[in-house]
Protein backbone atom coordinates (compact mmCIF):
# COMPACT_ATOMS: atom_id res chain seq x y z
CA UNK A 1 0.00 0.00 0.00
CA UNK A 2 2.82 2.35 0.82
CA UNK A 3 4.36 1.71 -2.61
CA UNK A 4 1.13 2.78 -4.33
CA UNK A 5 1.02 6.09 -2.42
CA UNK A 6 4.57 7.00 -3.43
CA UNK A 7 3.92 6.04 -7.03
CA UNK A 8 0.87 8.28 -7.11
CA UNK A 9 2.82 11.31 -5.83
CA UNK A 10 5.72 11.09 -8.33
CA UNK A 11 3.74 12.32 -11.37
CA UNK A 12 2.55 15.34 -9.37
CA UNK A 13 6.11 16.23 -8.25
CA UNK A 14 7.35 15.86 -11.83
CA UNK A 15 4.57 18.12 -13.12
CA UNK A 16 5.38 20.81 -10.52
CA UNK A 17 9.10 20.72 -11.45
CA UNK A 18 8.31 20.96 -15.16
CA UNK A 19 5.95 23.89 -14.54
CA UNK A 20 8.58 25.72 -12.45
CA UNK A 21 11.20 25.25 -15.19
CA UNK A 22 8.82 26.45 -17.90
CA UNK A 23 7.99 29.60 -15.94
CA UNK A 24 11.63 30.59 -15.47
CA UNK A 25 11.82 29.74 -11.81
CA UNK A 26 15.45 28.56 -11.96
CA UNK A 27 18.71 30.38 -11.16
CA UNK A 28 18.94 31.97 -14.59
CA UNK A 29 19.18 35.58 -13.52
CA UNK A 30 15.51 36.47 -13.38
CA UNK A 31 12.09 35.91 -14.87
CA UNK A 32 11.59 35.12 -18.52
CA UNK A 33 14.36 32.59 -18.95
CA UNK A 34 17.35 34.87 -18.27
CA UNK A 35 16.84 37.27 -21.16
CA UNK A 36 18.37 40.12 -19.20
CA UNK A 37 17.23 43.73 -18.99
CA UNK A 38 15.63 45.39 -21.97
CA UNK A 39 18.09 47.18 -24.28
CA UNK A 40 17.03 50.63 -23.07
CA UNK A 41 18.25 49.89 -19.54
CA UNK A 42 21.56 48.26 -20.58
CA UNK A 43 24.65 50.09 -19.29
CA UNK A 44 26.35 52.35 -21.82
CA UNK A 45 29.96 51.92 -22.97
CA UNK A 46 32.60 53.92 -21.14
CA UNK A 47 33.75 57.05 -22.96
CA UNK A 48 36.39 56.70 -25.66
CA UNK A 49 39.75 58.45 -25.38
CA UNK A 50 39.60 62.11 -26.40
CA UNK A 51 41.80 63.86 -29.01
CA UNK A 52 44.58 64.58 -26.48
CA UNK A 53 44.58 60.91 -25.46
CA UNK A 54 44.79 59.79 -29.08
CA UNK A 55 47.70 62.19 -29.70
CA UNK A 56 49.52 60.80 -26.64
CA UNK A 57 48.81 57.27 -27.85
CA UNK A 58 50.20 58.04 -31.31
CA UNK A 59 53.34 59.51 -29.75
CA UNK A 60 53.79 56.37 -27.60
CA UNK A 61 53.35 54.09 -30.61
CA UNK A 62 55.91 56.20 -32.50
CA UNK A 63 58.44 55.82 -29.66
CA UNK A 64 57.76 52.08 -29.58
CA UNK A 65 58.34 51.78 -33.35
CA UNK A 66 61.56 53.81 -33.10
CA UNK A 67 62.87 51.62 -30.26
CA UNK A 68 61.82 48.46 -32.06
CA UNK A 69 63.77 49.29 -35.22
CA UNK A 70 66.76 50.76 -33.35
CA UNK A 71 66.77 47.94 -31.91
CA UNK A 72 66.60 48.91 -28.22
CA UNK A 73 65.18 45.98 -26.24
CA UNK A 74 65.30 47.88 -22.94
CA UNK A 75 63.21 50.74 -24.31
CA UNK A 76 60.74 48.37 -26.00
CA UNK A 77 60.37 46.30 -22.83
CA UNK A 78 59.86 49.44 -20.74
CA UNK A 79 56.87 50.24 -22.96
CA UNK A 80 55.24 46.86 -22.26
CA UNK A 81 52.21 46.79 -19.97
CA UNK A 82 52.54 45.19 -16.55
CA UNK A 83 50.59 42.19 -17.86
CA UNK A 84 53.01 41.72 -20.77
CA UNK A 85 56.04 42.09 -18.52
CA UNK A 86 54.67 39.20 -16.45
CA UNK A 87 54.30 37.07 -19.59
CA UNK A 88 57.43 37.99 -21.57
CA UNK A 89 61.01 38.47 -20.41
CA UNK A 90 63.27 41.27 -21.57
CA UNK A 91 65.61 38.61 -22.96
CA UNK A 92 62.82 37.25 -25.17
CA UNK A 93 62.14 40.77 -26.43
CA UNK A 94 65.85 41.22 -27.18
CA UNK A 95 65.88 37.96 -29.18
CA UNK A 96 62.83 39.06 -31.18
CA UNK A 97 64.41 42.42 -31.98
CA UNK A 98 67.66 40.73 -32.97
CA UNK A 99 65.82 38.50 -35.46
CA UNK A 100 63.96 41.53 -36.83
CA UNK A 101 67.25 43.42 -37.27
CA UNK A 102 68.77 40.45 -39.12
CA UNK A 103 65.73 40.32 -41.43
CA UNK A 104 66.19 44.02 -42.23
CA UNK A 105 68.91 43.28 -44.78
CA UNK A 106 68.87 46.84 -46.19
CA UNK A 107 69.48 48.32 -42.74
CA UNK A 108 66.57 50.74 -43.16
CA UNK A 109 65.33 52.94 -40.35
CA UNK A 110 61.58 52.65 -40.17
CA UNK A 111 59.34 55.20 -38.50
CA UNK A 112 55.64 55.47 -37.83
CA UNK A 113 53.91 56.84 -40.93
CA UNK A 114 50.27 55.74 -40.73
CA UNK A 115 48.26 55.66 -37.51
CA UNK A 116 44.66 55.32 -36.41
CA UNK A 117 43.02 54.51 -33.09
CA UNK A 118 39.62 53.53 -34.36
CA UNK A 119 38.45 51.36 -31.50
CA UNK A 120 38.63 51.63 -27.74
CA UNK A 121 37.24 49.96 -24.67
CA UNK A 122 36.80 52.79 -22.28
CA UNK A 123 39.36 55.42 -21.51
CA UNK A 124 42.27 53.11 -20.76
CA UNK A 125 42.33 50.48 -23.53
CA UNK A 126 42.69 51.26 -27.23
CA UNK A 127 43.30 49.32 -30.41
CA UNK A 128 45.60 50.93 -32.92
CA UNK A 129 46.38 50.29 -36.55
CA UNK A 130 49.65 51.60 -37.89
CA UNK A 131 52.23 51.21 -40.59
CA UNK A 132 55.88 52.08 -41.13
CA UNK A 133 57.39 53.15 -44.42
CA UNK A 134 56.10 51.49 -47.55
CA UNK A 135 56.39 48.03 -45.98
CA UNK A 136 52.95 46.45 -45.53
CA UNK A 137 54.61 43.46 -43.82
CA UNK A 138 55.31 45.73 -40.83
CA UNK A 139 51.75 47.05 -40.61
CA UNK A 140 49.81 46.22 -37.45
CA UNK A 141 46.06 46.08 -37.16
CA UNK A 142 44.09 46.34 -33.94
CA UNK A 143 47.14 46.15 -31.70
CA UNK A 144 46.11 46.51 -28.06
CA UNK A 145 47.48 49.34 -25.91
CA UNK A 146 46.56 50.26 -22.32
CA UNK A 147 47.06 53.35 -20.22
CA UNK A 148 49.12 52.58 -17.12
CA UNK A 149 51.23 54.71 -14.82
CA UNK A 150 50.15 57.85 -16.67
CA UNK A 151 51.17 56.67 -20.15
CA UNK A 152 50.18 54.34 -22.96
CA UNK A 153 51.81 50.89 -22.97
CA UNK A 154 51.94 48.07 -25.49
CA UNK A 155 49.57 45.29 -24.38
CA UNK A 156 49.48 43.04 -27.45
CA UNK A 157 51.67 40.28 -26.04
């Protein structure tokens, strides 16, 4: 008899659980299946860097390019973000610059010639596109830079 009573309750429990799931009663962030707030109440993006910030960013990228083609591993490494300095050693940067210098068989001095900072994530992260000389192989697209310690730093490691 006890077995029959338990068997009779199971379909009711299952129906209640199914109804609760269908009505969005789970831990999905709210009613309606976790759709989130309507678009009008979504938070706005942080402001993009202003013209002075973009000019400072361009100047930093120019210094980075100059140091890269010097080659000056210490100066390049000093322009790395704190995150990149945790991931890459100065010795590894020096090796990369040495290989780049060896590949530059004409011994040309390259400098920043084309620059744009078309995208940003807030005031302290920007993505830059730039080129040096007439060498498309040295062009960079959407290279990440961050503002740290009062200046822009390479963060594309």
